[in-house]
């Protein structure tokens, strides 16, 4: 079994991370598809800089035999919870269609 040691005095940091529950598993290919989409998103001039903060998004990954689909779904502020549409004060919903064989972005779609 793999063990980790720490020199930190903080009790939370002393806990062995190997014993913590797994929050999510991602394969390298899904992570690569996300990175391709995120790199395009973070420099996209159609999204204002204040709406490009990745912490304001939920990420969804889907796939077909030919494509990965990366969804960046903007969180909503409490006042916007029931609001319909793809844009909020925190972000802009967008989907990237990425070809599996070469990780090339084939389509970018904003939701309105």
N, C-alpha and C. Protein backbone atom coordinates (compact mmCIF):
# COMPACT_ATOMS: atom_id res chain seq x y z
N UNK A 1 0.83 -1.17 0.00
CA UNK A 1 0.00 0.00 0.00
C UNK A 1 0.88 1.24 0.00
N UNK A 2 0.47 2.22 -0.75
CA UNK A 2 1.17 3.48 -0.85
C UNK A 2 0.86 4.35 0.36
N UNK A 3 1.85 4.88 1.02
CA UNK A 3 1.66 5.76 2.17
C UNK A 3 2.33 7.08 1.87
N UNK A 4 1.75 8.13 2.41
CA UNK A 4 2.34 9.46 2.23
C UNK A 4 2.71 10.00 3.60
N UNK A 5 3.76 10.77 3.64
CA UNK A 5 4.13 11.41 4.89
C UNK A 5 4.07 12.92 4.69
N UNK A 6 3.86 13.64 5.77
CA UNK A 6 3.72 15.08 5.70
C UNK A 6 4.42 15.71 6.88
N UNK A 7 4.96 16.90 6.68
CA UNK A 7 5.58 17.63 7.77
C UNK A 7 4.68 18.74 8.28
N UNK A 8 3.49 18.89 7.70
CA UNK A 8 2.55 19.93 8.09
C UNK A 8 1.97 19.63 9.46
N UNK A 9 1.67 20.68 10.23
CA UNK A 9 1.07 20.52 11.55
C UNK A 9 -0.45 20.56 11.48
N UNK A 10 -1.00 21.01 10.39
CA UNK A 10 -2.45 21.09 10.24
C UNK A 10 -3.04 19.69 10.15
N UNK A 11 -4.02 19.38 11.01
CA UNK A 11 -4.60 18.04 11.08
C UNK A 11 -5.20 17.59 9.75
N UNK A 12 -5.85 18.49 9.02
CA UNK A 12 -6.44 18.13 7.74
C UNK A 12 -5.38 17.74 6.73
N UNK A 13 -4.25 18.39 6.77
CA UNK A 13 -3.18 18.08 5.84
C UNK A 13 -2.46 16.78 6.22
N UNK A 14 -2.57 16.36 7.46
CA UNK A 14 -1.93 15.12 7.89
C UNK A 14 -2.66 13.89 7.38
N UNK A 15 -3.96 14.03 7.09
CA UNK A 15 -4.74 12.89 6.63
C UNK A 15 -4.19 12.39 5.31
N UNK A 16 -4.03 11.09 5.21
CA UNK A 16 -3.51 10.47 4.00
C UNK A 16 -4.53 10.61 2.87
N UNK A 17 -4.21 11.32 1.78
CA UNK A 17 -5.17 11.51 0.69
C UNK A 17 -5.59 10.21 0.02
N UNK A 18 -4.79 9.16 0.15
CA UNK A 18 -5.15 7.87 -0.43
C UNK A 18 -6.38 7.27 0.26
N UNK A 19 -6.70 7.74 1.46
CA UNK A 19 -7.85 7.24 2.19
C UNK A 19 -9.11 8.08 1.97
N UNK A 20 -8.99 9.19 1.28
CA UNK A 20 -10.14 10.04 1.01
C UNK A 20 -10.99 9.43 -0.10
N UNK A 21 -12.29 9.69 -0.10
CA UNK A 21 -13.13 9.15 -1.18
C UNK A 21 -12.80 9.80 -2.52
N UNK A 22 -12.90 9.01 -3.58
CA UNK A 22 -12.68 9.52 -4.93
C UNK A 22 -13.88 10.37 -5.32
N UNK A 23 -13.64 11.57 -5.76
CA UNK A 23 -14.70 12.47 -6.18
C UNK A 23 -15.07 12.21 -7.63
N UNK A 24 -14.06 11.99 -8.46
CA UNK A 24 -14.30 11.78 -9.88
C UNK A 24 -13.11 11.09 -10.50
N UNK A 25 -13.38 10.27 -11.51
CA UNK A 25 -12.32 9.63 -12.29
C UNK A 25 -12.39 10.15 -13.71
N UNK A 26 -11.26 10.48 -14.29
CA UNK A 26 -11.19 10.90 -15.68
C UNK A 26 -10.06 10.14 -16.35
N UNK A 27 -10.33 9.67 -17.56
CA UNK A 27 -9.24 9.07 -18.32
C UNK A 27 -8.43 10.19 -18.96
N UNK A 28 -7.25 9.86 -19.39
CA UNK A 28 -6.40 10.84 -20.05
C UNK A 28 -7.02 11.39 -21.32
N UNK A 29 -7.74 10.56 -22.06
CA UNK A 29 -8.34 11.04 -23.30
C UNK A 29 -9.45 12.05 -23.03
N UNK A 30 -10.24 11.85 -21.96
CA UNK A 30 -11.26 12.84 -21.61
C UNK A 30 -10.62 14.13 -21.13
N UNK A 31 -9.57 13.99 -20.34
CA UNK A 31 -8.88 15.18 -19.85
C UNK A 31 -8.26 15.96 -21.01
N UNK A 32 -7.70 15.24 -21.98
CA UNK A 32 -7.13 15.91 -23.15
C UNK A 32 -8.21 16.66 -23.93
N UNK A 33 -9.38 16.05 -24.11
CA UNK A 33 -10.49 16.72 -24.80
C UNK A 33 -10.89 17.97 -24.03
N UNK A 34 -10.96 17.88 -22.71
CA UNK A 34 -11.28 19.05 -21.90
C UNK A 34 -10.24 20.14 -22.08
N UNK A 35 -8.97 19.78 -22.02
CA UNK A 35 -7.89 20.78 -22.14
C UNK A 35 -7.97 21.49 -23.49
N UNK A 36 -8.24 20.76 -24.56
CA UNK A 36 -8.38 21.37 -25.88
C UNK A 36 -9.52 22.39 -25.86
N UNK A 37 -10.67 21.99 -25.31
CA UNK A 37 -11.82 22.90 -25.24
C UNK A 37 -11.51 24.09 -24.33
N UNK A 38 -10.93 23.84 -23.18
CA UNK A 38 -10.66 24.92 -22.24
C UNK A 38 -9.65 25.93 -22.79
N UNK A 39 -8.63 25.45 -23.46
CA UNK A 39 -7.65 26.37 -24.05
C UNK A 39 -8.32 27.31 -25.06
N UNK A 40 -9.26 26.78 -25.84
CA UNK A 40 -9.99 27.62 -26.79
C UNK A 40 -10.92 28.57 -26.04
N UNK A 41 -11.58 28.08 -25.01
CA UNK A 41 -12.52 28.89 -24.24
C UNK A 41 -11.85 30.06 -23.55
N UNK A 42 -10.70 29.82 -22.95
CA UNK A 42 -10.08 30.87 -22.14
C UNK A 42 -9.53 32.03 -22.96
N UNK A 43 -9.41 31.87 -24.29
CA UNK A 43 -8.96 32.99 -25.14
C UNK A 43 -10.07 33.46 -26.09
N UNK A 44 -11.27 32.92 -25.91
CA UNK A 44 -12.39 33.24 -26.79
C UNK A 44 -12.86 34.68 -26.58
N UNK A 45 -12.76 35.49 -27.62
CA UNK A 45 -13.17 36.90 -27.52
C UNK A 45 -14.68 37.07 -27.48
N UNK A 46 -15.43 36.01 -27.79
CA UNK A 46 -16.89 36.08 -27.72
C UNK A 46 -17.41 35.89 -26.30
N UNK A 47 -16.51 35.59 -25.38
CA UNK A 47 -16.87 35.46 -23.96
C UNK A 47 -16.05 36.50 -23.21
N UNK A 48 -16.74 37.35 -22.45
CA UNK A 48 -16.02 38.40 -21.73
C UNK A 48 -15.07 37.77 -20.70
N UNK A 49 -13.94 38.42 -20.45
CA UNK A 49 -12.95 37.85 -19.53
C UNK A 49 -13.52 37.50 -18.15
N UNK A 50 -14.44 38.29 -17.64
CA UNK A 50 -15.01 38.01 -16.32
C UNK A 50 -15.93 36.79 -16.34
N UNK A 51 -16.31 36.31 -17.52
CA UNK A 51 -17.15 35.11 -17.63
C UNK A 51 -16.34 33.87 -18.04
N UNK A 52 -15.02 33.97 -18.01
CA UNK A 52 -14.16 32.84 -18.39
C UNK A 52 -13.56 32.13 -17.19
N UNK A 53 -13.99 32.43 -16.00
CA UNK A 53 -13.43 31.80 -14.79
C UNK A 53 -13.96 30.37 -14.68
N UNK A 54 -13.09 29.42 -14.82
CA UNK A 54 -13.48 28.01 -14.87
C UNK A 54 -14.19 27.56 -13.60
N UNK A 55 -13.91 28.19 -12.48
CA UNK A 55 -14.58 27.80 -11.23
C UNK A 55 -16.07 28.14 -11.24
N UNK A 56 -16.51 28.91 -12.22
CA UNK A 56 -17.92 29.26 -12.35
C UNK A 56 -18.67 28.33 -13.31
N UNK A 57 -18.10 27.18 -13.59
CA UNK A 57 -18.69 26.24 -14.56
C UNK A 57 -18.78 24.84 -14.01
N UNK A 58 -19.78 24.13 -14.48
CA UNK A 58 -19.86 22.67 -14.33
C UNK A 58 -19.43 22.10 -15.67
N UNK A 59 -18.59 21.09 -15.65
CA UNK A 59 -18.07 20.49 -16.88
C UNK A 59 -18.75 19.15 -17.11
N UNK A 60 -19.22 18.93 -18.32
CA UNK A 60 -19.77 17.64 -18.71
C UNK A 60 -19.03 17.15 -19.94
N UNK A 61 -18.74 15.86 -19.97
CA UNK A 61 -18.08 15.22 -21.11
C UNK A 61 -18.99 14.12 -21.64
N UNK A 62 -19.17 14.11 -22.96
CA UNK A 62 -19.97 13.08 -23.62
C UNK A 62 -19.20 12.63 -24.85
N UNK A 63 -19.61 11.50 -25.44
CA UNK A 63 -18.87 11.02 -26.60
C UNK A 63 -19.73 10.18 -27.51
N UNK A 64 -19.33 10.17 -28.78
CA UNK A 64 -19.82 9.22 -29.76
C UNK A 64 -18.59 8.48 -30.26
N UNK A 65 -18.76 7.62 -31.24
CA UNK A 65 -17.59 6.92 -31.77
C UNK A 65 -16.62 7.87 -32.46
N UNK A 66 -17.13 9.00 -32.93
CA UNK A 66 -16.30 9.92 -33.70
C UNK A 66 -15.88 11.19 -32.95
N UNK A 67 -16.68 11.59 -31.95
CA UNK A 67 -16.45 12.89 -31.31
C UNK A 67 -16.54 12.82 -29.79
N UNK A 68 -15.82 13.77 -29.16
CA UNK A 68 -16.03 14.11 -27.76
C UNK A 68 -16.84 15.40 -27.76
N UNK A 69 -17.70 15.54 -26.77
CA UNK A 69 -18.45 16.77 -26.57
C UNK A 69 -18.12 17.27 -25.18
N UNK A 70 -17.59 18.48 -25.12
CA UNK A 70 -17.24 19.10 -23.84
C UNK A 70 -18.21 20.25 -23.62
N UNK A 71 -18.98 20.16 -22.54
CA UNK A 71 -19.93 21.20 -22.18
C UNK A 71 -19.38 21.99 -21.01
N UNK A 72 -19.36 23.29 -21.13
CA UNK A 72 -19.05 24.18 -20.02
C UNK A 72 -20.36 24.88 -19.69
N UNK A 73 -20.94 24.53 -18.57
CA UNK A 73 -22.25 25.03 -18.18
C UNK A 73 -22.10 26.00 -17.02
N UNK A 74 -22.47 27.24 -17.27
CA UNK A 74 -22.26 28.31 -16.29
C UNK A 74 -23.12 28.11 -15.05
N UNK A 75 -22.51 28.34 -13.90
CA UNK A 75 -23.26 28.34 -12.66
C UNK A 75 -24.18 29.56 -12.66
N UNK A 76 -25.19 29.50 -11.82
CA UNK A 76 -26.14 30.60 -11.68
C UNK A 76 -26.02 31.19 -10.28
N UNK A 77 -26.12 32.50 -10.20
CA UNK A 77 -26.19 33.13 -8.88
C UNK A 77 -27.55 32.79 -8.27
N UNK A 78 -27.72 32.94 -6.97
CA UNK A 78 -29.00 32.60 -6.35
C UNK A 78 -30.20 33.29 -7.02
N UNK A 79 -30.05 34.51 -7.45
CA UNK A 79 -31.15 35.24 -8.10
C UNK A 79 -31.45 34.69 -9.49
N UNK A 80 -30.53 33.92 -10.07
CA UNK A 80 -30.69 33.41 -11.43
C UNK A 80 -31.06 31.93 -11.49
N UNK A 81 -31.30 31.29 -10.37
CA UNK A 81 -31.51 29.85 -10.32
C UNK A 81 -32.58 29.35 -11.28
N UNK A 82 -33.69 30.05 -11.42
CA UNK A 82 -34.79 29.60 -12.27
C UNK A 82 -34.75 30.22 -13.66
N UNK A 83 -33.71 30.94 -13.94
CA UNK A 83 -33.59 31.62 -15.23
C UNK A 83 -33.29 30.62 -16.34
N UNK A 84 -33.95 30.78 -17.46
CA UNK A 84 -33.70 29.94 -18.63
C UNK A 84 -32.67 30.62 -19.51
N UNK A 85 -32.01 29.83 -20.33
CA UNK A 85 -31.03 30.41 -21.24
C UNK A 85 -29.62 29.96 -20.91
N UNK A 86 -28.70 30.31 -21.78
CA UNK A 86 -27.34 29.82 -21.65
C UNK A 86 -26.34 30.80 -21.11
N UNK A 87 -26.82 31.94 -20.63
CA UNK A 87 -25.90 32.93 -20.10
C UNK A 87 -26.37 33.37 -18.73
N UNK A 88 -25.41 33.61 -17.86
CA UNK A 88 -25.71 34.13 -16.53
C UNK A 88 -24.70 35.21 -16.22
N UNK A 89 -24.81 35.80 -15.06
CA UNK A 89 -23.83 36.82 -14.67
C UNK A 89 -22.46 36.19 -14.44
N UNK A 90 -22.42 34.86 -14.26
CA UNK A 90 -21.15 34.18 -13.97
C UNK A 90 -20.49 33.55 -15.19
N UNK A 91 -21.26 33.32 -16.27
CA UNK A 91 -20.65 32.65 -17.41
C UNK A 91 -21.59 32.49 -18.58
N UNK A 92 -21.09 31.79 -19.60
CA UNK A 92 -21.82 31.55 -20.84
C UNK A 92 -21.73 30.06 -21.17
N UNK A 93 -22.89 29.40 -21.31
CA UNK A 93 -22.90 27.97 -21.64
C UNK A 93 -22.36 27.77 -23.05
N UNK A 94 -21.46 26.80 -23.19
CA UNK A 94 -20.86 26.52 -24.49
C UNK A 94 -20.55 25.03 -24.60
N UNK A 95 -20.61 24.53 -25.84
CA UNK A 95 -20.29 23.14 -26.12
C UNK A 95 -19.23 23.10 -27.22
N UNK A 96 -18.24 22.25 -27.04
CA UNK A 96 -17.22 22.03 -28.06
C UNK A 96 -17.35 20.60 -28.57
N UNK A 97 -17.37 20.45 -29.88
CA UNK A 97 -17.35 19.12 -30.51
C UNK A 97 -15.93 18.90 -30.99
N UNK A 98 -15.28 17.88 -30.47
CA UNK A 98 -13.86 17.61 -30.72
C UNK A 98 -13.72 16.25 -31.38
N UNK A 99 -13.04 16.23 -32.51
CA UNK A 99 -12.84 14.96 -33.23
C UNK A 99 -11.89 14.07 -32.43
N UNK A 100 -12.30 12.84 -32.25
CA UNK A 100 -11.53 11.90 -31.42
C UNK A 100 -10.16 11.57 -32.01
N UNK A 101 -10.07 11.41 -33.30
CA UNK A 101 -8.82 10.91 -33.88
C UNK A 101 -7.66 11.89 -33.76
N UNK A 102 -7.96 13.21 -33.72
CA UNK A 102 -6.86 14.18 -33.66
C UNK A 102 -7.08 15.33 -32.67
N UNK A 103 -8.17 15.25 -31.90
CA UNK A 103 -8.49 16.26 -30.89
C UNK A 103 -8.62 17.66 -31.50
N UNK A 104 -9.15 17.72 -32.68
CA UNK A 104 -9.38 19.01 -33.34
C UNK A 104 -10.80 19.48 -33.04
N UNK A 105 -10.94 20.76 -32.71
CA UNK A 105 -12.27 21.33 -32.47
C UNK A 105 -12.96 21.46 -33.81
N UNK A 106 -14.12 20.82 -33.92
CA UNK A 106 -14.89 20.85 -35.16
C UNK A 106 -16.05 21.84 -35.08
N UNK A 107 -16.47 22.15 -33.86
CA UNK A 107 -17.62 23.04 -33.69
C UNK A 107 -17.61 23.63 -32.29
N UNK A 108 -18.04 24.86 -32.21
CA UNK A 108 -18.27 25.52 -30.93
C UNK A 108 -19.68 26.07 -30.96
N UNK A 109 -20.48 25.77 -29.96
CA UNK A 109 -21.86 26.22 -29.92
C UNK A 109 -22.16 26.90 -28.60
N UNK A 110 -22.62 28.14 -28.68
CA UNK A 110 -23.09 28.85 -27.50
C UNK A 110 -24.57 28.59 -27.33
N UNK A 111 -25.03 28.42 -26.09
CA UNK A 111 -26.44 28.23 -25.82
C UNK A 111 -27.04 29.56 -25.38
N UNK A 112 -28.18 29.86 -25.92
CA UNK A 112 -28.83 31.14 -25.59
C UNK A 112 -30.15 30.91 -24.91
